[in-house]
Amino acid sequence: AFDQLESKTEMFETGLKVVDLLTPYVKGGKIGLFGGAGVGKTVLIQEMIMRVAKLHDGVSVFAGVGERTREGNDLIHEMADSGVLDKTALVFGQMDEPPGTRLRVALAGLTMAEYFRDVQKQDVLFFIDNIFRFTQAGSEVSTLLGRMPSAVGYQPNLADEMGLL
């Protein structure tokens, strides 16, 4: 809540030297990982999940919005092999799922992260992969509901959906 916000910033040490030096993260902040296919975004996410579990004894929540089945399966096996599956919550709305399911996966992941933060009092690292597919699912749901798209083609309630998330 607003009354719990603090103005001081505390750095989040990832344990990845290049990240901590060049693009340090702030605890409680938001970051985006942008890049083309095959450049290592998922590898970086996996490494951060492992480091949060091992260095900070924290929990990670991964919301896979519109992920390929293979990618989700690979992520589960990678977390199990590295011994951090018990410190990771994974929720998927794969690309073959209906748009309503894909739209709700990010919010389900957010609810899990809030539970770990508020009830379990743990540090949480929350990942959404891929935010564009979240927007795309919202557009598909909006079309199915017969809503008129905006001038650039997105759903009229895009700002509300992103704000809610």
C-alpha atoms as a PDB file:
ATOM      1  CA  ALA A   1       0.000   0.000   0.000  1.00  0.00           C
ATOM      2  CA  PHE A   2       0.976   3.616  -0.369  1.00  0.00           C
ATOM      3  CA  ASP A   3       1.686   4.101   3.346  1.00  0.00           C
ATOM      4  CA  GLN A   4       4.271   1.301   3.176  1.00  0.00           C
ATOM      5  CA  LEU A   5       6.343   2.953   0.442  1.00  0.00           C
ATOM      6  CA  GLU A   6       9.761   4.260   1.372  1.00  0.00           C
ATOM      7  CA  SER A   7      11.754   6.945  -0.386  1.00  0.00           C
ATOM      8  CA  LYS A   8      15.126   5.302   0.222  1.00  0.00           C
ATOM      9  CA  THR A   9      16.515   2.990  -2.431  1.00  0.00           C
ATOM     10  CA  GLU A  10      18.265  -0.250  -1.696  1.00  0.00           C
ATOM     11  CA  MET A  11      20.268  -2.047  -4.350  1.00  0.00           C
ATOM     12  CA  PHE A  12      19.391  -5.620  -5.184  1.00  0.00           C
ATOM     13  CA  GLU A  13      22.611  -7.586  -5.556  1.00  0.00           C
ATOM     14  CA  THR A  14      22.045 -10.268  -8.193  1.00  0.00           C
ATOM     15  CA  GLY A  15      25.462 -11.872  -7.884  1.00  0.00           C
ATOM     16  CA  LEU A  16      25.945 -11.421 -11.625  1.00  0.00           C
ATOM     17  CA  LYS A  17      28.900  -9.047 -11.862  1.00  0.00           C
ATOM     18  CA  VAL A  18      28.032  -7.573 -15.244  1.00  0.00           C
ATOM     19  CA  VAL A  19      24.437  -6.849 -14.177  1.00  0.00           C
ATOM     20  CA  ASP A  20      25.400  -5.415 -10.787  1.00  0.00           C
ATOM     21  CA  LEU A  21      28.037  -3.154 -12.370  1.00  0.00           C
ATOM     22  CA  LEU A  22      26.387  -1.973 -15.588  1.00  0.00           C
ATOM     23  CA  THR A  23      22.661  -2.096 -14.814  1.00  0.00           C
ATOM     24  CA  PRO A  24      22.146  -2.364 -11.053  1.00  0.00           C
ATOM     25  CA  TYR A  25      18.626  -3.215  -9.923  1.00  0.00           C
ATOM     26  CA  VAL A  26      16.749  -1.456  -7.135  1.00  0.00           C
ATOM     27  CA  LYS A  27      14.834  -3.566  -4.606  1.00  0.00           C
ATOM     28  CA  GLY A  28      11.132  -3.141  -5.239  1.00  0.00           C
ATOM     29  CA  GLY A  29      11.773  -1.711  -8.684  1.00  0.00           C
ATOM     30  CA  LYS A  30      10.794  -2.798 -12.162  1.00  0.00           C
ATOM     31  CA  ILE A  31      13.088  -3.648 -15.037  1.00  0.00           C
ATOM     32  CA  GLY A  32      12.635  -4.829 -18.584  1.00  0.00           C
ATOM     33  CA  LEU A  33      14.773  -7.281 -20.515  1.00  0.00           C
ATOM     34  CA  PHE A  34      14.463  -6.495 -24.191  1.00  0.00           C
ATOM     35  CA  GLY A  35      16.133  -8.325 -27.025  1.00  0.00           C
ATOM     36  CA  GLY A  36      15.646 -10.487 -30.046  1.00  0.00           C
ATOM     37  CA  ALA A  37      15.103 -14.210 -30.137  1.00  0.00           C
ATOM     38  CA  GLY A  38      18.044 -16.310 -28.996  1.00  0.00           C
ATOM     39  CA  VAL A  39      20.094 -13.568 -27.330  1.00  0.00           C
ATOM     40  CA  GLY A  40      19.929 -15.015 -23.803  1.00  0.00           C
ATOM     41  CA  LYS A  41      17.000 -13.365 -22.020  1.00  0.00           C
ATOM     42  CA  THR A  42      15.706 -16.685 -20.686  1.00  0.00           C
ATOM     43  CA  VAL A  43      19.202 -17.765 -19.647  1.00  0.00           C
ATOM     44  CA  LEU A  44      19.570 -14.528 -17.658  1.00  0.00           C
ATOM     45  CA  ILE A  45      16.156 -15.095 -16.038  1.00  0.00           C
ATOM     46  CA  GLN A  46      17.124 -18.654 -15.089  1.00  0.00           C
ATOM     47  CA  GLU A  47      20.407 -17.462 -13.609  1.00  0.00           C
ATOM     48  CA  MET A  48      18.669 -14.764 -11.579  1.00  0.00           C
ATOM     49  CA  ILE A  49      16.093 -17.257 -10.252  1.00  0.00           C
ATOM     50  CA  MET A  50      18.904 -19.553  -9.127  1.00  0.00           C
ATOM     51  CA  ARG A  51      20.848 -16.729  -7.477  1.00  0.00           C
ATOM     52  CA  VAL A  52      17.820 -15.324  -5.636  1.00  0.00           C
ATOM     53  CA  ALA A  53      17.114 -18.779  -4.204  1.00  0.00           C
ATOM     54  CA  LYS A  54      20.703 -19.511  -3.227  1.00  0.00           C
ATOM     55  CA  LEU A  55      22.135 -16.099  -2.259  1.00  0.00           C
ATOM     56  CA  HIS A  56      19.076 -14.388  -0.784  1.00  0.00           C
ATOM     57  CA  ASP A  57      16.970 -17.382   0.273  1.00  0.00           C
ATOM     58  CA  GLY A  58      14.172 -15.735  -1.702  1.00  0.00           C
ATOM     59  CA  VAL A  59      11.377 -16.951  -3.912  1.00  0.00           C
ATOM     60  CA  SER A  60      10.865 -16.377  -7.619  1.00  0.00           C
ATOM     61  CA  VAL A  61       7.554 -16.374  -9.458  1.00  0.00           C
ATOM     62  CA  PHE A  62       7.582 -16.888 -13.218  1.00  0.00           C
ATOM     63  CA  ALA A  63       4.462 -16.140 -15.262  1.00  0.00           C
ATOM     64  CA  GLY A  64       4.795 -17.525 -18.778  1.00  0.00           C
ATOM     65  CA  VAL A  65       2.258 -15.680 -20.926  1.00  0.00           C
ATOM     66  CA  GLY A  66       1.914 -17.287 -24.347  1.00  0.00           C
ATOM     67  CA  GLU A  67       5.012 -19.442 -23.878  1.00  0.00           C
ATOM     68  CA  ARG A  68       5.720 -22.413 -26.084  1.00  0.00           C
ATOM     69  CA  THR A  69       5.129 -25.747 -24.344  1.00  0.00           C
ATOM     70  CA  ARG A  70       8.754 -26.719 -24.929  1.00  0.00           C
ATOM     71  CA  GLU A  71      10.059 -23.530 -23.279  1.00  0.00           C
ATOM     72  CA  GLY A  72       7.939 -24.103 -20.179  1.00  0.00           C
ATOM     73  CA  ASN A  73       9.044 -27.724 -19.968  1.00  0.00           C
ATOM     74  CA  ASP A  74      12.702 -26.721 -20.367  1.00  0.00           C
ATOM     75  CA  LEU A  75      12.375 -24.116 -17.607  1.00  0.00           C
ATOM     76  CA  ILE A  76      10.829 -26.610 -15.177  1.00  0.00           C
ATOM     77  CA  HIS A  77      13.605 -29.136 -15.838  1.00  0.00           C
ATOM     78  CA  GLU A  78      16.298 -26.449 -15.501  1.00  0.00           C
ATOM     79  CA  MET A  79      14.919 -25.344 -12.126  1.00  0.00           C
ATOM     80  CA  ALA A  80      14.703 -28.969 -10.931  1.00  0.00           C
ATOM     81  CA  ASP A  81      18.248 -29.748 -12.102  1.00  0.00           C
ATOM     82  CA  SER A  82      19.654 -26.679 -10.330  1.00  0.00           C
ATOM     83  CA  GLY A  83      17.830 -27.546  -7.092  1.00  0.00           C
ATOM     84  CA  VAL A  84      15.704 -24.401  -6.847  1.00  0.00           C
ATOM     85  CA  LEU A  85      12.309 -25.728  -7.943  1.00  0.00           C
ATOM     86  CA  ASP A  86      11.139 -25.627  -4.316  1.00  0.00           C
ATOM     87  CA  LYS A  87      11.892 -21.866  -4.293  1.00  0.00           C
ATOM     88  CA  THR A  88      10.140 -21.185  -7.599  1.00  0.00           C
ATOM     89  CA  ALA A  89       6.470 -20.819  -8.508  1.00  0.00           C
ATOM     90  CA  LEU A  90       5.736 -21.275 -12.194  1.00  0.00           C
ATOM     91  CA  VAL A  91       2.416 -20.488 -13.858  1.00  0.00           C
ATOM     92  CA  PHE A  92       1.872 -20.850 -17.598  1.00  0.00           C
ATOM     93  CA  GLY A  93      -0.766 -19.862 -20.109  1.00  0.00           C
ATOM     94  CA  GLN A  94       0.777 -21.433 -23.164  1.00  0.00           C
ATOM     95  CA  MET A  95       0.299 -20.133 -26.666  1.00  0.00           C
ATOM     96  CA  ASP A  96      -2.243 -22.850 -27.505  1.00  0.00           C
ATOM     97  CA  GLU A  97      -4.470 -21.758 -24.596  1.00  0.00           C
ATOM     98  CA  PRO A  98      -7.517 -19.496 -25.108  1.00  0.00           C
ATOM     99  CA  PRO A  99      -6.799 -15.749 -24.910  1.00  0.00           C
ATOM    100  CA  GLY A 100      -8.710 -15.420 -21.625  1.00  0.00           C
ATOM    101  CA  THR A 101      -6.353 -17.899 -19.993  1.00  0.00           C
ATOM    102  CA  ARG A 102      -3.263 -16.161 -21.350  1.00  0.00           C
ATOM    103  CA  LEU A 103      -4.605 -12.809 -20.161  1.00  0.00           C
ATOM    104  CA  ARG A 104      -5.103 -14.058 -16.590  1.00  0.00           C
ATOM    105  CA  VAL A 105      -1.750 -15.840 -16.188  1.00  0.00           C
ATOM    106  CA  ALA A 106       0.184 -12.644 -15.445  1.00  0.00           C
ATOM    107  CA  LEU A 107      -2.371 -11.650 -12.803  1.00  0.00           C
ATOM    108  CA  ALA A 108      -2.263 -15.140 -11.277  1.00  0.00           C
ATOM    109  CA  GLY A 109       1.527 -14.870 -11.063  1.00  0.00           C
ATOM    110  CA  LEU A 110       1.228 -11.432  -9.483  1.00  0.00           C
ATOM    111  CA  THR A 111      -1.173 -12.832  -6.881  1.00  0.00           C
ATOM    112  CA  MET A 112       1.349 -15.561  -6.051  1.00  0.00           C
ATOM    113  CA  ALA A 113       4.148 -13.000  -5.706  1.00  0.00           C
ATOM    114  CA  GLU A 114       2.005 -10.843  -3.416  1.00  0.00           C
ATOM    115  CA  TYR A 115       1.224 -13.894  -1.272  1.00  0.00           C
ATOM    116  CA  PHE A 116       4.906 -14.710  -0.804  1.00  0.00           C
ATOM    117  CA  ARG A 117       5.661 -11.053  -0.041  1.00  0.00           C
ATOM    118  CA  ASP A 118       2.721 -10.229   2.244  1.00  0.00           C
ATOM    119  CA  VAL A 119       1.907 -13.539   3.962  1.00  0.00           C
ATOM    120  CA  GLN A 120       5.203 -15.427   3.901  1.00  0.00           C
ATOM    121  CA  LYS A 121       7.275 -12.208   4.357  1.00  0.00           C
ATOM    122  CA  GLN A 122       9.811 -13.319   1.751  1.00  0.00           C
ATOM    123  CA  ASP A 123      11.771 -11.423  -0.861  1.00  0.00           C
ATOM    124  CA  VAL A 124      10.231 -12.167  -4.245  1.00  0.00           C
ATOM    125  CA  LEU A 125      11.516 -11.808  -7.773  1.00  0.00           C
ATOM    126  CA  PHE A 126       8.577 -11.739 -10.216  1.00  0.00           C
ATOM    127  CA  PHE A 127       9.039 -12.395 -13.927  1.00  0.00           C
ATOM    128  CA  ILE A 128       6.520 -12.020 -16.736  1.00  0.00           C
ATOM    129  CA  ASP A 129       7.555 -13.509 -20.038  1.00  0.00           C
ATOM    130  CA  ASN A 130       6.249 -12.071 -22.380  1.00  0.00           C
ATOM    131  CA  ILE A 131       4.487  -8.771 -21.679  1.00  0.00           C
ATOM    132  CA  PHE A 132       3.696  -8.263 -25.369  1.00  0.00           C
ATOM    133  CA  ARG A 133       1.790 -11.554 -25.404  1.00  0.00           C
ATOM    134  CA  PHE A 134      -0.160 -10.303 -22.386  1.00  0.00           C
ATOM    135  CA  THR A 135      -1.162  -7.254 -24.420  1.00  0.00           C
ATOM    136  CA  GLN A 136      -1.923  -9.437 -27.425  1.00  0.00           C
ATOM    137  CA  ALA A 137      -4.181 -11.716 -25.352  1.00  0.00           C
ATOM    138  CA  GLY A 138      -6.026  -8.640 -24.069  1.00  0.00           C
ATOM    139  CA  SER A 139      -6.539  -7.505 -27.644  1.00  0.00           C
ATOM    140  CA  GLU A 140      -7.941 -10.914 -28.608  1.00  0.00           C
ATOM    141  CA  VAL A 141     -10.333 -10.933 -25.640  1.00  0.00           C
ATOM    142  CA  SER A 142     -11.434  -7.400 -26.485  1.00  0.00           C
ATOM    143  CA  THR A 143     -12.142  -8.438 -30.080  1.00  0.00           C
ATOM    144  CA  LEU A 144     -14.136 -11.466 -28.903  1.00  0.00           C
ATOM    145  CA  LEU A 145     -16.211  -9.131 -26.717  1.00  0.00           C
ATOM    146  CA  GLY A 146     -16.914  -6.906 -29.737  1.00  0.00           C
ATOM    147  CA  ARG A 147     -15.085  -3.827 -28.480  1.00  0.00           C
ATOM    148  CA  MET A 148     -13.962  -1.278 -31.040  1.00  0.00           C
ATOM    149  CA  PRO A 149     -10.137  -1.073 -31.187  1.00  0.00           C
ATOM    150  CA  SER A 150      -8.293   2.213 -30.735  1.00  0.00           C
ATOM    151  CA  ALA A 151      -6.807   4.166 -33.634  1.00  0.00           C
ATOM    152  CA  VAL A 152      -3.597   2.101 -33.540  1.00  0.00           C
ATOM    153  CA  GLY A 153      -5.407  -1.235 -33.205  1.00  0.00           C
ATOM    154  CA  TYR A 154      -5.061  -1.992 -29.505  1.00  0.00           C
ATOM    155  CA  GLN A 155      -7.958  -2.702 -27.179  1.00  0.00           C
ATOM    156  CA  PRO A 156      -9.674   0.361 -25.688  1.00  0.00           C
ATOM    157  CA  ASN A 157      -8.956  -0.835 -22.137  1.00  0.00           C
ATOM    158  CA  LEU A 158      -5.200  -1.422 -22.610  1.00  0.00           C
ATOM    159  CA  ALA A 159      -4.230   1.252 -20.071  1.00  0.00           C
ATOM    160  CA  ASP A 160      -6.581  -0.281 -17.498  1.00  0.00           C
ATOM    161  CA  GLU A 161      -5.178  -3.790 -18.044  1.00  0.00           C
ATOM    162  CA  MET A 162      -1.578  -2.630 -17.770  1.00  0.00           C
ATOM    163  CA  GLY A 163      -2.401  -0.465 -14.757  1.00  0.00           C
ATOM    164  CA  LEU A 164      -4.090  -3.382 -13.010  1.00  0.00           C
ATOM    165  CA  LEU A 165      -1.026  -5.522 -13.612  1.00  0.00           C
END
